[in-house]
C-alpha atoms as a PDB file:
ATOM      1  CA  MET A   1     197.852 129.605  17.395  1.00  0.00           C
ATOM      2  CA  ASN A   2     196.045 128.237  14.349  1.00  0.00           C
ATOM      3  CA  GLY A   3     195.938 124.479  15.020  1.00  0.00           C
ATOM      4  CA  TYR A   4     194.754 123.701  11.513  1.00  0.00           C
ATOM      5  CA  ALA A   5     197.647 125.635   9.976  1.00  0.00           C
ATOM      6  CA  GLU A   6     200.232 123.787  12.069  1.00  0.00           C
ATOM      7  CA  LYS A   7     198.775 120.371  11.192  1.00  0.00           C
ATOM      8  CA  LEU A   8     198.689 121.322   7.522  1.00  0.00           C
ATOM      9  CA  LYS A   9     202.341 122.392   7.607  1.00  0.00           C
ATOM     10  CA  ALA A  10     203.359 119.084   9.179  1.00  0.00           C
ATOM     11  CA  HIS A  11     201.415 117.184   6.535  1.00  0.00           C
ATOM     12  CA  LEU A  12     202.908 119.225   3.695  1.00  0.00           C
ATOM     13  CA  GLY A  13     206.428 118.749   5.039  1.00  0.00           C
ATOM     14  CA  GLN A  14     205.916 115.015   4.711  1.00  0.00           C
ATOM     15  CA  HIS A  15     204.238 115.483   1.333  1.00  0.00           C
ATOM     16  CA  LYS A  16     207.293 117.385   0.084  1.00  0.00           C
ATOM     17  CA  ARG A  17     209.597 114.491   0.947  1.00  0.00           C
ATOM     18  CA  THR A  18     207.443 111.471   0.078  1.00  0.00           C
ATOM     19  CA  LYS A  19     205.380 112.722  -2.872  1.00  0.00           C
ATOM     20  CA  LEU A  20     207.616 115.367  -4.460  1.00  0.00           C
ATOM     21  CA  GLY A  21     210.941 113.732  -3.593  1.00  0.00           C
ATOM     22  CA  VAL A  22     212.412 116.974  -2.223  1.00  0.00           C
ATOM     23  CA  GLU A  23     214.571 116.669   0.900  1.00  0.00           C
ATOM     24  CA  GLU A  24     215.886 120.239   1.047  1.00  0.00           C
ATOM     25  CA  ASP A  25     213.858 122.712   3.062  1.00  0.00           C
ATOM     26  CA  GLY A  26     213.011 126.096   1.607  1.00  0.00           C
ATOM     27  CA  ARG A  27     213.312 129.455   3.354  1.00  0.00           C
ATOM     28  CA  TRP A  28     210.628 131.787   4.571  1.00  0.00           C
ATOM     29  CA  LYS A  29     211.685 135.158   3.231  1.00  0.00           C
ATOM     30  CA  THR A  30     210.384 137.016   6.266  1.00  0.00           C
ATOM     31  CA  ASN A  31     212.760 135.507   8.828  1.00  0.00           C
ATOM     32  CA  LYS A  32     215.282 133.681   6.582  1.00  0.00           C
ATOM     33  CA  GLN A  33     214.590 130.424   8.433  1.00  0.00           C
ATOM     34  CA  SER A  34     214.105 127.071   6.682  1.00  0.00           C
ATOM     35  CA  TYR A  35     210.989 124.930   7.173  1.00  0.00           C
ATOM     36  CA  PRO A  36     209.974 121.457   5.959  1.00  0.00           C
ATOM     37  CA  TYR A  37     206.717 122.663   4.359  1.00  0.00           C
ATOM     38  CA  ILE A  38     208.526 125.168   2.106  1.00  0.00           C
ATOM     39  CA  LEU A  39     210.063 124.287  -1.247  1.00  0.00           C
ATOM     40  CA  PRO A  40     213.417 125.681  -2.314  1.00  0.00           C
ATOM     41  CA  GLU A  41     212.448 128.663  -4.425  1.00  0.00           C
ATOM     42  CA  ALA A  42     214.083 127.151  -7.503  1.00  0.00           C
ATOM     43  CA  LEU A  43     211.591 124.284  -7.238  1.00  0.00           C
ATOM     44  CA  GLN A  44     208.478 126.371  -6.678  1.00  0.00           C
ATOM     45  CA  HIS A  45     206.981 125.098  -9.945  1.00  0.00           C
ATOM     46  CA  LEU A  46     206.392 121.795  -8.124  1.00  0.00           C
ATOM     47  CA  ASN A  47     203.626 123.478  -6.126  1.00  0.00           C
ATOM     48  CA  VAL A  48     201.391 122.881  -9.139  1.00  0.00           C
ATOM     49  CA  ILE A  49     200.204 119.273  -9.082  1.00  0.00           C
ATOM     50  CA  GLN A  50     201.933 117.086 -11.648  1.00  0.00           C
ATOM     51  CA  THR A  51     198.868 116.146 -13.735  1.00  0.00           C
ATOM     52  CA  PHE A  52     198.664 119.630 -15.268  1.00  0.00           C
ATOM     53  CA  ARG A  53     201.984 121.123 -14.160  1.00  0.00           C
ATOM     54  CA  ALA A  54     203.574 121.468 -17.600  1.00  0.00           C
ATOM     55  CA  GLU A  55     200.388 122.809 -19.165  1.00  0.00           C
ATOM     56  CA  PHE A  56     199.890 125.346 -16.404  1.00  0.00           C
ATOM     57  CA  TRP A  57     203.347 126.876 -16.683  1.00  0.00           C
ATOM     58  CA  ASP A  58     203.216 126.816 -20.494  1.00  0.00           C
ATOM     59  CA  ARG A  59     199.865 128.594 -20.418  1.00  0.00           C
ATOM     60  CA  ASN A  60     200.815 131.129 -17.722  1.00  0.00           C
ATOM     61  CA  PRO A  61     204.501 131.987 -18.228  1.00  0.00           C
ATOM     62  CA  GLY A  62     204.319 135.522 -16.819  1.00  0.00           C
ATOM     63  CA  ILE A  63     201.690 135.097 -14.128  1.00  0.00           C
ATOM     64  CA  HIS A  64     202.162 137.168 -10.968  1.00  0.00           C
ATOM     65  CA  LEU A  65     203.175 134.832  -8.155  1.00  0.00           C
ATOM     66  CA  HIS A  66     202.729 135.711  -4.526  1.00  0.00           C
ATOM     67  CA  ARG A  67     205.878 136.339  -2.502  1.00  0.00           C
ATOM     68  CA  ASP A  68     205.542 133.006  -0.690  1.00  0.00           C
ATOM     69  CA  PHE A  69     204.336 130.907  -3.607  1.00  0.00           C
ATOM     70  CA  HIS A  70     207.075 128.365  -2.849  1.00  0.00           C
ATOM     71  CA  HIS A  71     205.297 127.548   0.435  1.00  0.00           C
ATOM     72  CA  LEU A  72     203.306 124.358  -0.051  1.00  0.00           C
ATOM     73  CA  ASN A  73     200.454 125.920   1.932  1.00  0.00           C
ATOM     74  CA  SER A  74     200.184 128.744  -0.601  1.00  0.00           C
ATOM     75  CA  SER A  75     196.512 129.511  -1.202  1.00  0.00           C
ATOM     76  CA  GLN A  76     197.457 130.832  -4.636  1.00  0.00           C
ATOM     77  CA  ALA A  77     198.913 127.448  -5.575  1.00  0.00           C
ATOM     78  CA  MET A  78     195.808 125.708  -4.285  1.00  0.00           C
ATOM     79  CA  CYS A  79     193.681 128.040  -6.397  1.00  0.00           C
ATOM     80  CA  PHE A  80     195.700 127.119  -9.486  1.00  0.00           C
ATOM     81  CA  ASN A  81     195.399 123.421  -8.659  1.00  0.00           C
ATOM     82  CA  LEU A  82     191.646 123.608  -8.152  1.00  0.00           C
ATOM     83  CA  PHE A  83     190.541 125.720 -11.105  1.00  0.00           C
ATOM     84  CA  PHE A  84     193.072 125.259 -13.893  1.00  0.00           C
ATOM     85  CA  PRO A  85     192.432 121.570 -14.690  1.00  0.00           C
ATOM     86  CA  PHE A  86     188.676 121.988 -15.112  1.00  0.00           C
ATOM     87  CA  PHE A  87     188.942 125.176 -17.162  1.00  0.00           C
ATOM     88  CA  PHE A  88     191.883 124.011 -19.300  1.00  0.00           C
ATOM     89  CA  HIS A  89     191.458 120.263 -19.847  1.00  0.00           C
ATOM     90  CA  ARG A  90     189.690 119.410 -23.112  1.00  0.00           C
ATOM     91  CA  ASP A  91     189.204 123.118 -23.855  1.00  0.00           C
ATOM     92  CA  GLY A  92     187.273 123.644 -20.647  1.00  0.00           C
ATOM     93  CA  GLN A  93     184.418 121.296 -21.419  1.00  0.00           C
ATOM     94  CA  TYR A  94     184.374 120.199 -17.758  1.00  0.00           C
ATOM     95  CA  ALA A  95     184.432 123.696 -16.246  1.00  0.00           C
ATOM     96  CA  ASP A  96     180.728 123.332 -15.469  1.00  0.00           C
ATOM     97  CA  VAL A  97     181.543 120.278 -13.330  1.00  0.00           C
ATOM     98  CA  LEU A  98     183.571 122.483 -11.012  1.00  0.00           C
ATOM     99  CA  LEU A  99     181.054 125.314 -11.036  1.00  0.00           C
ATOM    100  CA  ASP A 100     178.250 122.854 -10.261  1.00  0.00           C
ATOM    101  CA  ALA A 101     180.291 121.532  -7.329  1.00  0.00           C
ATOM    102  CA  LEU A 102     180.496 125.116  -6.080  1.00  0.00           C
ATOM    103  CA  GLY A 103     176.721 125.452  -6.359  1.00  0.00           C
ATOM    104  CA  LEU A 104     176.908 127.889  -9.258  1.00  0.00           C
ATOM    105  CA  SER A 105     174.728 127.812 -12.336  1.00  0.00           C
ATOM    106  CA  THR A 106     176.104 129.385 -15.493  1.00  0.00           C
ATOM    107  CA  CYS A 107     174.925 130.741 -18.792  1.00  0.00           C
ATOM    108  CA  GLY A 108     178.105 129.636 -20.511  1.00  0.00           C
ATOM    109  CA  ILE A 109     181.664 130.787 -19.975  1.00  0.00           C
ATOM    110  CA  SER A 110     183.170 133.440 -22.225  1.00  0.00           C
ATOM    111  CA  LYS A 111     186.604 133.775 -20.551  1.00  0.00           C
ATOM    112  CA  TRP A 112     188.493 133.195 -17.322  1.00  0.00           C
ATOM    113  CA  ALA A 113     191.690 134.361 -15.672  1.00  0.00           C
ATOM    114  CA  PHE A 114     193.821 134.056 -12.555  1.00  0.00           C
ATOM    115  CA  GLU A 115     195.078 137.181 -10.755  1.00  0.00           C
ATOM    116  CA  LYS A 116     192.686 139.354 -12.740  1.00  0.00           C
ATOM    117  CA  ILE A 117     192.709 143.137 -12.290  1.00  0.00           C
ATOM    118  CA  LEU A 118     189.183 144.374 -13.013  1.00  0.00           C
ATOM    119  CA  ASP A 119     189.762 148.031 -12.167  1.00  0.00           C
ATOM    120  CA  LYS A 120     193.207 149.486 -12.855  1.00  0.00           C
ATOM    121  CA  ARG A 121     192.564 152.481 -10.613  1.00  0.00           C
ATOM    122  CA  GLU A 122     191.800 150.215  -7.650  1.00  0.00           C
ATOM    123  CA  GLY A 123     194.415 147.604  -8.579  1.00  0.00           C
ATOM    124  CA  THR A 124     193.288 144.462  -6.743  1.00  0.00           C
ATOM    125  CA  GLN A 125     194.242 141.165  -8.350  1.00  0.00           C
ATOM    126  CA  LEU A 126     191.387 138.735  -7.858  1.00  0.00           C
ATOM    127  CA  ASP A 127     192.304 135.106  -7.248  1.00  0.00           C
ATOM    128  CA  PHE A 128     190.129 133.819 -10.086  1.00  0.00           C
ATOM    129  CA  CYS A 129     187.555 135.485 -12.304  1.00  0.00           C
ATOM    130  CA  VAL A 130     185.059 133.892 -14.692  1.00  0.00           C
ATOM    131  CA  ASN A 131     183.142 135.961 -17.226  1.00  0.00           C
ATOM    132  CA  LEU A 132     179.838 134.471 -18.321  1.00  0.00           C
ATOM    133  CA  LYS A 133     178.052 135.025 -21.626  1.00  0.00           C
ATOM    134  CA  SER A 134     175.240 136.615 -19.635  1.00  0.00           C
ATOM    135  CA  GLU A 135     177.746 139.406 -18.709  1.00  0.00           C
ATOM    136  CA  ALA A 136     177.749 138.262 -15.076  1.00  0.00           C
ATOM    137  CA  ARG A 137     181.085 137.566 -13.387  1.00  0.00           C
ATOM    138  CA  LEU A 138     182.047 134.910 -10.854  1.00  0.00           C
ATOM    139  CA  LEU A 139     184.722 136.299  -8.519  1.00  0.00           C
ATOM    140  CA  PHE A 140     186.645 133.936  -6.264  1.00  0.00           C
ATOM    141  CA  GLU A 141     188.619 134.526  -3.082  1.00  0.00           C
ATOM    142  CA  VAL A 142     190.452 131.304  -2.163  1.00  0.00           C
ATOM    143  CA  LYS A 143     191.988 130.646   1.243  1.00  0.00           C
ATOM    144  CA  LEU A 144     193.796 127.684   2.751  1.00  0.00           C
ATOM    145  CA  SER A 145     195.562 128.098   6.123  1.00  0.00           C
ATOM    146  CA  GLU A 146     195.192 131.840   6.693  1.00  0.00           C
ATOM    147  CA  PRO A 147     193.466 132.732   9.986  1.00  0.00           C
ATOM    148  CA  GLY A 148     191.595 135.687   8.481  1.00  0.00           C
ATOM    149  CA  PHE A 149     191.028 137.871   5.439  1.00  0.00           C
ATOM    150  CA  GLY A 150     194.046 140.080   5.651  1.00  0.00           C
ATOM    151  CA  THR A 151     195.009 143.725   5.813  1.00  0.00           C
ATOM    152  CA  PRO A 152     196.752 145.798   3.122  1.00  0.00           C
ATOM    153  CA  ASN A 153     200.498 146.249   3.167  1.00  0.00           C
ATOM    154  CA  GLY A 154     201.452 148.984   5.573  1.00  0.00           C
ATOM    155  CA  TYR A 155     198.281 148.842   7.646  1.00  0.00           C
ATOM    156  CA  ASP A 156     198.911 149.113  11.383  1.00  0.00           C
ATOM    157  CA  GLU A 157     195.837 149.589  13.566  1.00  0.00           C
ATOM    158  CA  ARG A 158     198.088 150.419  16.510  1.00  0.00           C
ATOM    159  CA  HIS A 159     198.997 153.689  14.798  1.00  0.00           C
ATOM    160  CA  PRO A 160     195.762 155.236  13.488  1.00  0.00           C
ATOM    161  CA  GLU A 161     197.492 158.437  12.519  1.00  0.00           C
ATOM    162  CA  LYS A 162     199.465 156.471   9.927  1.00  0.00           C
ATOM    163  CA  LEU A 163     196.261 154.867   8.710  1.00  0.00           C
ATOM    164  CA  ASN A 164     194.695 158.321   8.339  1.00  0.00           C
ATOM    165  CA  LYS A 165     197.531 159.585   6.190  1.00  0.00           C
ATOM    166  CA  VAL A 166     198.026 156.558   3.979  1.00  0.00           C
ATOM    167  CA  TYR A 167     194.575 155.060   3.544  1.00  0.00           C
ATOM    168  CA  TYR A 168     191.703 157.383   4.423  1.00  0.00           C
ATOM    169  CA  ASP A 169     191.847 159.344   1.199  1.00  0.00           C
ATOM    170  CA  ARG A 170     191.853 156.159  -0.864  1.00  0.00           C
ATOM    171  CA  PHE A 171     188.950 154.788   1.150  1.00  0.00           C
ATOM    172  CA  SER A 172     186.828 157.909   0.721  1.00  0.00           C
ATOM    173  CA  ARG A 173     187.592 158.371  -2.984  1.00  0.00           C
ATOM    174  CA  ILE A 174     187.388 154.787  -4.220  1.00  0.00           C
ATOM    175  CA  TYR A 175     185.721 152.395  -1.828  1.00  0.00           C
ATOM    176  CA  ALA A 176     183.162 154.259   0.282  1.00  0.00           C
ATOM    177  CA  PRO A 177     180.922 155.572  -2.547  1.00  0.00           C
ATOM    178  CA  VAL A 178     180.320 152.015  -3.769  1.00  0.00           C
ATOM    179  CA  LEU A 179     180.371 150.098  -0.499  1.00  0.00           C
ATOM    180  CA  GLN A 180     177.705 152.249   1.126  1.00  0.00           C
ATOM    181  CA  HIS A 181     175.148 150.577  -1.141  1.00  0.00           C
ATOM    182  CA  LYS A 182     176.355 147.059  -0.323  1.00  0.00           C
ATOM    183  CA  VAL A 183     177.293 146.949   3.359  1.00  0.00           C
ATOM    184  CA  LYS A 184     175.493 148.051   6.486  1.00  0.00           C
ATOM    185  CA  LEU A 185     176.317 151.481   7.810  1.00  0.00           C
ATOM    186  CA  ASP A 186     178.242 150.223  10.846  1.00  0.00           C
ATOM    187  CA  TRP A 187     180.702 148.463   8.560  1.00  0.00           C
ATOM    188  CA  SER A 188     181.319 151.306   6.129  1.00  0.00           C
ATOM    189  CA  ARG A 189     184.151 152.817   8.161  1.00  0.00           C
ATOM    190  CA  PRO A 190     187.860 152.762   7.322  1.00  0.00           C
ATOM    191  CA  ASP A 191     188.856 150.990  10.541  1.00  0.00           C
ATOM    192  CA  GLN A 192     186.467 148.129   9.751  1.00  0.00           C
ATOM    193  CA  PHE A 193     187.347 148.087   6.071  1.00  0.00           C
ATOM    194  CA  PHE A 194     191.092 147.739   6.486  1.00  0.00           C
ATOM    195  CA  ARG A 195     190.834 145.101   9.212  1.00  0.00           C
ATOM    196  CA  ASP A 196     189.181 142.675   6.764  1.00  0.00           C
ATOM    197  CA  TYR A 197     190.461 144.260   3.601  1.00  0.00           C
ATOM    198  CA  GLN A 198     190.208 141.183   1.399  1.00  0.00           C
ATOM    199  CA  VAL A 199     186.519 140.772   2.177  1.00  0.00           C
ATOM    200  CA  PHE A 200     185.540 144.369   1.519  1.00  0.00           C
ATOM    201  CA  ARG A 201     187.669 144.928  -1.564  1.00  0.00           C
ATOM    202  CA  ASN A 202     186.057 141.861  -3.169  1.00  0.00           C
ATOM    203  CA  ILE A 203     182.577 143.036  -2.224  1.00  0.00           C
ATOM    204  CA  TRP A 204     183.481 146.377  -3.839  1.00  0.00           C
ATOM    205  CA  HIS A 205     184.009 144.613  -7.195  1.00  0.00           C
ATOM    206  CA  VAL A 206     180.616 142.897  -7.304  1.00  0.00           C
ATOM    207  CA  ARG A 207     178.118 144.458  -9.733  1.00  0.00           C
ATOM    208  CA  PRO A 208     174.633 143.487  -8.554  1.00  0.00           C
ATOM    209  CA  GLU A 209     173.049 144.973 -11.656  1.00  0.00           C
ATOM    210  CA  TYR A 210     174.841 142.280 -13.706  1.00  0.00           C
ATOM    211  CA  SER A 211     174.144 139.467 -11.200  1.00  0.00           C
ATOM    212  CA  ASP A 212     177.827 139.035 -10.277  1.00  0.00           C
ATOM    213  CA  GLN A 213     178.623 136.436  -7.633  1.00  0.00           C
ATOM    214  CA  LEU A 214     181.453 136.581  -5.073  1.00  0.00           C
ATOM    215  CA  ILE A 215     182.494 133.181  -3.739  1.00  0.00           C
ATOM    216  CA  PHE A 216     184.804 132.590  -0.783  1.00  0.00           C
ATOM    217  CA  VAL A 217     186.365 129.111  -0.843  1.00  0.00           C
ATOM    218  CA  PHE A 218     188.173 127.822   2.253  1.00  0.00           C
ATOM    219  CA  PRO A 219     188.524 124.639   4.340  1.00  0.00           C
ATOM    220  CA  LEU A 220     185.804 123.845   6.843  1.00  0.00           C
ATOM    221  CA  GLU A 221     188.535 122.494   9.128  1.00  0.00           C
ATOM    222  CA  ASN A 222     190.247 125.875   9.304  1.00  0.00           C
ATOM    223  CA  ASP A 223     188.222 126.877  12.368  1.00  0.00           C
ATOM    224  CA  ASP A 224     189.721 130.347  12.789  1.00  0.00           C
ATOM    225  CA  LEU A 225     188.928 131.363   9.229  1.00  0.00           C
ATOM    226  CA  ARG A 226     185.551 129.619   9.116  1.00  0.00           C
ATOM    227  CA  LYS A 227     184.330 131.271  12.298  1.00  0.00           C
ATOM    228  CA  ARG A 228     185.549 134.665  11.115  1.00  0.00           C
ATOM    229  CA  ALA A 229     183.786 134.257   7.763  1.00  0.00           C
ATOM    230  CA  GLU A 230     180.550 132.957   9.260  1.00  0.00           C
ATOM    231  CA  ARG A 231     180.394 135.840  11.740  1.00  0.00           C
ATOM    232  CA  LEU A 232     181.639 138.635   9.530  1.00  0.00           C
ATOM    233  CA  ILE A 233     180.101 138.212   6.106  1.00  0.00           C
ATOM    234  CA  PRO A 234     176.404 137.801   7.081  1.00  0.00           C
ATOM    235  CA  SER A 235     176.685 140.722   9.498  1.00  0.00           C
ATOM    236  CA  VAL A 236     178.279 143.014   6.910  1.00  0.00           C
ATOM    237  CA  LEU A 237     175.926 142.778   3.947  1.00  0.00           C
ATOM    238  CA  ARG A 238     172.779 144.735   3.311  1.00  0.00           C
ATOM    239  CA  PRO A 239     169.841 142.315   2.911  1.00  0.00           C
ATOM    240  CA  GLU A 240     169.369 143.164  -0.756  1.00  0.00           C
ATOM    241  CA  PHE A 241     173.016 142.278  -1.448  1.00  0.00           C
ATOM    242  CA  GLU A 242     173.216 138.973   0.445  1.00  0.00           C
ATOM    243  CA  ALA A 243     172.393 136.824  -2.590  1.00  0.00           C
ATOM    244  CA  HIS A 244     175.588 137.975  -4.314  1.00  0.00           C
ATOM    245  CA  VAL A 245     178.041 136.507  -1.773  1.00  0.00           C
ATOM    246  CA  ARG A 246     178.555 132.822  -1.002  1.00  0.00           C
ATOM    247  CA  LEU A 247     180.738 130.752   1.321  1.00  0.00           C
ATOM    248  CA  ARG A 248     181.947 127.364   0.105  1.00  0.00           C
ATOM    249  CA  HIS A 249     183.921 124.774   2.054  1.00  0.00           C
ATOM    250  CA  LEU A 250     186.791 123.130   0.228  1.00  0.00           C
ATOM    251  CA  GLU A 251     186.053 119.644   1.571  1.00  0.00           C
ATOM    252  CA  GLY A 252     182.488 119.626   0.254  1.00  0.00           C
ATOM    253  CA  VAL A 253     183.602 120.854  -3.160  1.00  0.00           C
ATOM    254  CA  VAL A 254     186.322 118.169  -3.314  1.00  0.00           C
ATOM    255  CA  ASN A 255     183.860 115.430  -2.344  1.00  0.00           C
ATOM    256  CA  VAL A 256     181.586 116.360  -5.241  1.00  0.00           C
ATOM    257  CA  LEU A 257     184.500 116.659  -7.669  1.00  0.00           C
ATOM    258  CA  ARG A 258     185.904 113.276  -6.682  1.00  0.00           C
ATOM    259  CA  ARG A 259     182.546 111.697  -7.420  1.00  0.00           C
ATOM    260  CA  GLU A 260     181.907 113.595 -10.653  1.00  0.00           C
ATOM    261  CA  SER A 261     185.452 113.438 -12.044  1.00  0.00           C
ATOM    262  CA  HIS A 262     185.439 109.666 -11.579  1.00  0.00           C
ATOM    263  CA  ARG A 263     182.348 109.607 -13.747  1.00  0.00           C
ATOM    264  CA  VAL A 264     183.416 112.013 -16.510  1.00  0.00           C
ATOM    265  CA  ASP A 265     187.178 111.914 -17.067  1.00  0.00           C
ATOM    266  CA  GLU A 266     190.081 109.698 -16.011  1.00  0.00           C
ATOM    267  CA  THR A 267     192.699 112.477 -16.044  1.00  0.00           C
ATOM    268  CA  LEU A 268     190.601 114.784 -13.882  1.00  0.00           C
ATOM    269  CA  ASN A 269     189.835 111.903 -11.539  1.00  0.00           C
ATOM    270  CA  HIS A 270     193.552 111.236 -11.098  1.00  0.00           C
ATOM    271  CA  HIS A 271     194.180 114.937 -10.538  1.00  0.00           C
ATOM    272  CA  MET A 272     191.538 115.146  -7.826  1.00  0.00           C
ATOM    273  CA  THR A 273     193.063 112.109  -6.108  1.00  0.00           C
ATOM    274  CA  LEU A 274     196.377 113.974  -5.929  1.00  0.00           C
ATOM    275  CA  PHE A 275     194.647 117.188  -4.892  1.00  0.00           C
ATOM    276  CA  GLU A 276     192.960 115.403  -2.018  1.00  0.00           C
ATOM    277  CA  GLU A 277     196.244 113.762  -0.956  1.00  0.00           C
ATOM    278  CA  LYS A 278     197.889 117.170  -0.809  1.00  0.00           C
ATOM    279  CA  TYR A 279     195.250 119.354   0.799  1.00  0.00           C
ATOM    280  CA  ILE A 280     192.691 117.121   2.583  1.00  0.00           C
ATOM    281  CA  PHE A 281     194.875 115.401   5.149  1.00  0.00           C
ATOM    282  CA  TYR A 282     192.328 114.713   7.915  1.00  0.00           C
END
């Protein structure tokens, strides 16, 4: 049982009623049951915080939404709420404020995108991608209440014969030739890869020759995820690749942004107040 996840759900159920004014509970598609922390699907647009809600949906009318985007604990929604205001507001002039809070130096931003597919053959949609004028990329994996880094659809480690048929060919053709230069030998096996798929597929995208950076953002208070990340990621990487992967705690980033947004822009300061009310409940 993920204690953090349960506390977050309770908080978001109250948030839905008191801050969003929504009394009706939404359904989890998996079991068809209704829960207080889920919005009715017709109101899923409310999962974007009100300060930039209209601008976000106007700017991203066809964006791919995750199946459970109407859940208030959606990490995709949190990603939108964290990055969009700083990259959109005043033509992105405060994007560096967010990147500085994440401990990232930049050479200027050329473009950015949510749910970006960098390799059509591989097909992964990255949570957020920033292209810099230096040709380096900043790749973000954002988590909220998840206990780990996920497996691909259809993966079932209890039935390795199914894994062999469905995934081994893809692993050997696409992932292994690149990963062998980035991860230690013990981790370059299909059974390891598919157990923490979201970690390895993101590592696969990093181009060290261009100084790409991969940044995992998640709450410090999510103990299950934090412990998994702190154990897994340092043990996976080859020493020469370690500088390309970073872990960042949401609370620390928010603390910096609250301080800096208060100093630079009233609208962003108000947004970060609402962001903190929604996601930092402890």
